[in-house]
Amino acid sequence: MGADIRFPHMGIEIENLGKSISIGDFSIAYYGIIISLGMLCGYLMAVFQAKRTGQDKEMYLDLALWDIVFAVIGARLYYVIFSWDYYSQNPGEILNIRGGGLAIYGGVIAGVITTFVFSKIRQVPFLRLADTACTGLLVGQIMGRWGNFFNREAFGGYTDSLFAMQIRMSDVNTSYITDELYNNVVSYNGIDYIQVHPTFLYESVWNICVLAVILVFTKHRKYDGQLFLIYLLGYSAGRVWIEGLRTDQLVLFGTGIAVSQLLSGILAVIAATVLIYKFIKSRK
């Protein structure tokens, strides 16, 4: 049979790694299961953080229900817009998210807008909600990237580093395989593998670190919005680096510029500028 995924330098081989689970004639993608679990755990994290900061935890159930719906819509819309060359020719695939195709930044943007509207309706400070909700968002992002692992997507270019990951070529969308990956195909036990950066793992671990910083810093928060700014800075800085490694970047129309990398850079600079300004102002 042979391994489906290998981490050769760490001696790890994973066999029989399917992309879905079947119940009778019905198939459920692991991607969808993991995204759903990420949403649930993200909500529980937000409730935990609300308790720590003396807020009404019930309010976050209402917020989560609205955020989840519009975040999924936003994530799909973002992906479709920046992959329009494909979807304009295959409109029937626009609503098909079972195989992937949810862009995190689209979900974040839609979630922020939804949270802002929710704050106005409930007459609660938006930045206070954002400080709490960003912890749940991070948990969703940490778990959600493992959906990419099961889908064999969102990986980086060739590497021979300690964390190098080998994926069966037959399991990968060929549009994600670069010339460099083709030139470095590894044959093992009669199976061809591409050897790549496991960017899903990089981002998941990076976000764990960002979450840890926010949870520790919560007791030292000086103003509403500070934790959200730390989230924007930490997450965006990581995406600038990680997005540059990926082979499936969504690009700005006709420019070749990775849109998520550009957006990450802008958000990181804005967040850092505001944090520094607030710090300097507090010292006067």
Protein backbone atom coordinates (compact mmCIF):
# COMPACT_ATOMS: atom_id res chain seq x y z
CA MET A 1 0.00 0.00 0.00
CA GLY A 2 2.60 2.57 1.07
CA ALA A 3 2.25 5.76 3.09
CA ASP A 4 -0.09 8.55 2.00
CA ILE A 5 1.98 11.21 3.76
CA ARG A 6 5.54 11.02 5.05
CA PHE A 7 7.76 13.23 7.18
CA PRO A 8 11.00 11.49 6.14
CA HIS A 9 13.44 13.38 8.37
CA MET A 10 11.32 12.71 11.45
CA GLY A 11 10.61 9.07 10.65
CA ILE A 12 6.82 9.59 10.46
CA GLU A 13 4.66 7.74 7.92
CA ILE A 14 0.87 7.98 7.76
CA GLU A 15 -1.08 5.30 5.90
CA ASN A 16 -4.75 5.02 4.94
CA LEU A 17 -5.36 8.75 5.36
CA GLY A 18 -8.66 9.32 3.61
CA LYS A 19 -10.28 12.63 2.71
CA SER A 20 -13.73 11.66 3.94
CA ILE A 21 -15.72 9.25 6.04
CA SER A 22 -18.67 7.29 4.64
CA ILE A 23 -21.90 6.59 6.49
CA GLY A 24 -23.93 4.32 4.27
CA ASP A 25 -24.12 6.04 0.90
CA PHE A 26 -23.36 9.45 2.38
CA SER A 27 -19.82 10.83 2.44
CA ILE A 28 -18.65 13.50 4.89
CA ALA A 29 -15.36 15.27 4.17
CA TYR A 30 -12.87 15.43 7.03
CA TYR A 31 -12.34 19.05 5.96
CA GLY A 32 -15.91 19.88 6.90
CA ILE A 33 -15.73 17.93 10.16
CA ILE A 34 -12.58 19.74 11.24
CA ILE A 35 -13.93 23.18 10.28
CA SER A 36 -17.08 22.43 12.30
CA LEU A 37 -15.07 21.30 15.32
CA GLY A 38 -12.94 24.42 14.99
CA MET A 39 -16.05 26.59 15.13
CA LEU A 40 -17.33 24.78 18.22
CA CYS A 41 -13.99 24.97 20.04
CA GLY A 42 -13.61 28.61 18.98
CA TYR A 43 -16.97 29.42 20.56
CA LEU A 44 -15.97 27.62 23.78
CA MET A 45 -12.73 29.60 23.89
CA ALA A 46 -14.61 32.89 23.48
CA VAL A 47 -16.96 31.89 26.33
CA PHE A 48 -13.95 31.03 28.51
CA GLN A 49 -12.40 34.41 27.77
CA ALA A 50 -15.71 36.17 28.43
CA LYS A 51 -15.88 34.54 31.88
CA ARG A 52 -12.31 35.62 32.64
CA THR A 53 -13.13 39.24 31.83
CA GLY A 54 -16.52 39.39 33.56
CA GLN A 55 -18.70 39.54 30.46
CA ASP A 56 -22.06 37.97 29.65
CA LYS A 57 -21.12 34.61 28.15
CA GLU A 58 -24.62 34.07 26.74
CA MET A 59 -24.12 37.04 24.43
CA TYR A 60 -21.27 35.21 22.74
CA LEU A 61 -23.53 32.35 21.72
CA ASP A 62 -25.69 34.82 19.80
CA LEU A 63 -22.59 36.44 18.31
CA ALA A 64 -21.09 33.06 17.34
CA LEU A 65 -24.24 31.98 15.49
CA TRP A 66 -24.21 35.12 13.34
CA ASP A 67 -20.42 35.20 12.93
CA ILE A 68 -20.21 31.58 11.79
CA VAL A 69 -22.87 31.98 9.11
CA PHE A 70 -21.42 35.15 7.62
CA ALA A 71 -17.79 34.04 8.08
CA VAL A 72 -18.41 30.94 5.95
CA ILE A 73 -20.12 33.07 3.30
CA GLY A 74 -17.29 35.60 3.38
CA ALA A 75 -14.59 32.92 3.25
CA ARG A 76 -16.16 31.33 0.20
CA LEU A 77 -16.84 34.65 -1.52
CA TYR A 78 -13.22 35.76 -1.06
CA TYR A 79 -11.95 32.48 -2.51
CA VAL A 80 -14.31 32.55 -5.48
CA ILE A 81 -13.55 36.20 -6.33
CA PHE A 82 -9.81 35.63 -6.46
CA SER A 83 -10.25 32.33 -8.34
CA TRP A 84 -12.75 33.77 -10.80
CA ASP A 85 -10.92 32.46 -13.88
CA TYR A 86 -11.93 28.95 -12.76
CA TYR A 87 -15.38 29.66 -11.32
CA SER A 88 -16.49 31.79 -14.27
CA GLN A 89 -16.10 28.62 -16.35
CA ASN A 90 -17.52 26.33 -13.65
CA PRO A 91 -20.34 28.26 -11.93
CA GLY A 92 -21.86 25.04 -10.62
CA GLU A 93 -18.86 24.66 -8.32
CA ILE A 94 -19.28 28.02 -6.59
CA LEU A 95 -21.39 26.60 -3.76
CA ASN A 96 -19.41 23.37 -3.44
CA ILE A 97 -17.27 23.78 -0.31
CA ARG A 98 -17.05 20.11 0.66
CA GLY A 99 -13.64 19.79 -0.98
CA GLY A 100 -12.19 23.00 0.41
CA GLY A 101 -12.04 26.53 -0.93
CA LEU A 102 -12.62 28.68 2.16
CA ALA A 103 -10.22 31.63 2.42
CA ILE A 104 -9.53 32.57 6.03
CA TYR A 105 -9.19 36.27 5.36
CA GLY A 106 -12.62 36.38 3.76
CA GLY A 107 -14.03 34.79 6.90
CA VAL A 108 -12.13 37.23 9.14
CA ILE A 109 -13.36 40.27 7.21
CA ALA A 110 -16.96 39.06 7.23
CA GLY A 111 -16.68 38.15 10.93
CA VAL A 112 -15.37 41.61 11.85
CA ILE A 113 -18.18 43.33 9.94
CA THR A 114 -20.78 41.05 11.55
CA THR A 115 -19.33 41.69 15.01
CA PHE A 116 -19.42 45.45 14.41
CA VAL A 117 -23.09 45.34 13.38
CA PHE A 118 -23.87 43.06 16.34
CA SER A 119 -22.18 45.51 18.74
CA LYS A 120 -24.34 48.36 17.47
CA ILE A 121 -27.54 46.34 17.83
CA ARG A 122 -26.64 45.13 21.34
CA GLN A 123 -25.08 48.49 22.29
CA VAL A 124 -21.85 46.84 23.44
CA PRO A 125 -18.38 48.29 22.67
CA PHE A 126 -17.17 46.70 19.44
CA LEU A 127 -13.51 46.56 20.49
CA ARG A 128 -14.41 44.76 23.72
CA LEU A 129 -16.21 42.11 21.68
CA ALA A 130 -13.28 41.94 19.27
CA ASP A 131 -10.80 41.41 22.12
CA THR A 132 -12.77 38.38 23.28
CA ALA A 133 -13.81 36.99 19.91
CA CYS A 134 -10.27 37.01 18.51
CA THR A 135 -9.29 34.21 20.90
CA GLY A 136 -12.09 32.03 19.52
CA LEU A 137 -11.10 33.00 15.99
CA LEU A 138 -7.54 31.87 16.64
CA VAL A 139 -8.70 28.48 17.92
CA GLY A 140 -10.79 28.06 14.77
CA GLN A 141 -7.77 28.96 12.63
CA ILE A 142 -5.48 26.61 14.56
CA MET A 143 -7.82 23.67 14.01
CA GLY A 144 -9.06 24.64 10.57
CA ARG A 145 -5.61 24.36 8.99
CA TRP A 146 -5.68 20.62 9.72
CA GLY A 147 -8.56 20.41 7.27
CA ASN A 148 -6.02 21.48 4.64
CA PHE A 149 -3.81 18.60 5.79
CA PHE A 150 -6.55 16.05 5.09
CA ASN A 151 -7.30 17.71 1.75
CA ARG A 152 -3.61 17.70 0.72
CA GLU A 153 -3.73 21.43 -0.03
CA ALA A 154 -2.33 24.78 1.16
CA PHE A 155 1.22 23.40 1.19
CA GLY A 156 4.44 25.21 0.32
CA GLY A 157 7.17 24.77 -2.21
CA TYR A 158 10.06 22.32 -2.13
CA THR A 159 12.14 21.97 1.02
CA ASP A 160 14.54 19.45 2.48
CA SER A 161 14.29 20.84 6.00
CA LEU A 162 13.61 18.83 9.15
CA PHE A 163 9.84 19.34 8.74
CA ALA A 164 9.72 18.45 5.04
CA MET A 165 6.48 16.64 4.19
CA GLN A 166 6.00 14.18 1.32
CA ILE A 167 2.55 13.81 -0.26
CA ARG A 168 1.51 11.29 -2.88
CA MET A 169 1.38 13.07 -6.23
CA SER A 170 -1.79 11.19 -7.13
CA ASP A 171 -3.61 12.81 -4.16
CA VAL A 172 -2.73 16.39 -5.09
CA ASN A 173 -4.41 18.90 -7.41
CA THR A 174 -1.85 19.19 -10.20
CA SER A 175 -2.39 22.95 -10.49
CA TYR A 176 -0.62 23.30 -7.12
CA ILE A 177 2.49 21.41 -8.25
CA THR A 178 5.21 23.82 -9.38
CA ASP A 179 8.08 23.04 -11.74
CA GLU A 180 10.41 22.95 -8.74
CA LEU A 181 8.25 20.28 -7.10
CA TYR A 182 8.14 18.26 -10.33
CA ASN A 183 11.94 18.48 -10.53
CA ASN A 184 12.31 17.13 -7.01
CA VAL A 185 9.80 14.26 -7.05
CA VAL A 186 10.75 11.51 -4.60
CA SER A 187 10.05 7.87 -5.40
CA TYR A 188 9.64 5.59 -2.38
CA ASN A 189 8.38 2.00 -2.49
CA GLY A 190 7.25 2.58 -6.06
CA ILE A 191 5.16 5.66 -5.17
CA ASP A 192 5.91 9.20 -6.37
CA TYR A 193 5.77 11.97 -3.76
CA ILE A 194 6.18 15.72 -3.84
CA GLN A 195 8.25 17.09 -0.96
CA VAL A 196 6.93 20.35 0.46
CA HIS A 197 6.80 22.85 3.31
CA PRO A 198 3.90 21.78 5.61
CA THR A 199 2.58 25.34 5.78
CA PHE A 200 -0.63 24.17 7.45
CA LEU A 201 1.53 23.02 10.38
CA TYR A 202 3.59 26.23 10.43
CA GLU A 203 0.46 28.36 10.61
CA SER A 204 -1.23 26.17 13.21
CA VAL A 205 1.80 26.29 15.53
CA TRP A 206 2.30 30.02 14.90
CA ASN A 207 -1.31 30.71 15.88
CA ILE A 208 -0.93 28.66 19.06
CA CYS A 209 1.90 31.01 20.02
CA VAL A 210 -0.20 34.09 19.20
CA LEU A 211 -3.09 32.70 21.27
CA ALA A 212 -0.76 32.02 24.22
CA VAL A 213 0.51 35.61 24.12
CA ILE A 214 -3.04 36.98 24.10
CA LEU A 215 -4.22 34.76 26.95
CA VAL A 216 -1.23 35.70 29.09
CA PHE A 217 -1.54 39.40 28.24
CA THR A 218 -5.29 39.54 28.99
CA LYS A 219 -4.73 40.48 32.65
CA HIS A 220 -2.45 43.33 31.56
CA ARG A 221 -4.81 44.78 28.94
CA LYS A 222 -4.85 48.58 29.13
CA TYR A 223 -7.70 49.44 26.74
CA ASP A 224 -10.45 47.88 24.62
CA GLY A 225 -9.04 46.69 21.31
CA GLN A 226 -5.51 46.01 22.53
CA LEU A 227 -5.86 42.22 22.35
CA PHE A 228 -7.46 42.48 18.91
CA LEU A 229 -4.53 44.60 17.70
CA ILE A 230 -2.08 42.02 19.07
CA TYR A 231 -4.04 39.35 17.18
CA LEU A 232 -3.90 41.34 13.95
CA LEU A 233 -0.17 41.98 14.32
CA GLY A 234 0.74 38.43 15.32
CA TYR A 235 -1.46 36.60 12.85
CA SER A 236 -0.70 38.91 9.93
CA ALA A 237 3.06 38.83 10.51
CA GLY A 238 2.95 35.04 10.38
CA ARG A 239 0.87 35.04 7.20
CA VAL A 240 3.33 37.37 5.43
CA TRP A 241 6.00 34.71 5.89
CA ILE A 242 3.87 31.59 5.42
CA GLU A 243 1.91 32.88 2.42
CA GLY A 244 5.20 33.46 0.61
CA LEU A 245 5.95 29.72 0.85
CA ARG A 246 2.65 28.48 -0.58
CA THR A 247 2.11 27.25 -4.14
CA ASP A 248 -1.66 27.90 -4.26
CA GLN A 249 -1.71 31.63 -3.63
CA LEU A 250 -4.75 33.67 -4.60
CA VAL A 251 -3.35 36.55 -6.66
CA LEU A 252 -4.51 40.10 -7.26
CA PHE A 253 -6.04 40.31 -10.72
CA GLY A 254 -3.36 40.43 -13.41
CA THR A 255 -0.53 41.41 -11.03
CA GLY A 256 0.89 38.13 -9.75
CA ILE A 257 0.83 39.63 -6.24
CA ALA A 258 -0.40 37.25 -3.53
CA VAL A 259 -3.46 39.06 -2.21
CA SER A 260 -3.38 37.49 1.27
CA GLN A 261 0.31 38.30 1.66
CA LEU A 262 -0.30 41.92 0.64
CA LEU A 263 -3.29 42.22 2.99
CA SER A 264 -1.29 40.64 5.81
CA GLY A 265 1.52 43.13 5.37
CA ILE A 266 -0.88 46.09 5.43
CA LEU A 267 -2.72 44.83 8.52
CA ALA A 268 0.53 44.08 10.37
CA VAL A 269 1.84 47.60 9.72
CA ILE A 270 -1.45 49.22 10.78
CA ALA A 271 -1.70 47.13 13.96
CA ALA A 272 1.92 47.76 14.91
CA THR A 273 1.54 51.50 14.29
CA VAL A 274 -1.57 51.79 16.49
CA LEU A 275 -0.03 49.69 19.29
CA ILE A 276 3.13 51.82 19.29
CA TYR A 277 1.11 55.04 19.20
CA LYS A 278 -1.04 53.89 22.12
CA PHE A 279 2.05 52.86 24.09
CA ILE A 280 3.83 56.18 23.53
CA LYS A 281 0.67 58.10 24.40
CA SER A 282 0.28 56.17 27.67
CA ARG A 283 3.84 57.06 28.69
CA LYS A 284 3.23 60.82 28.49
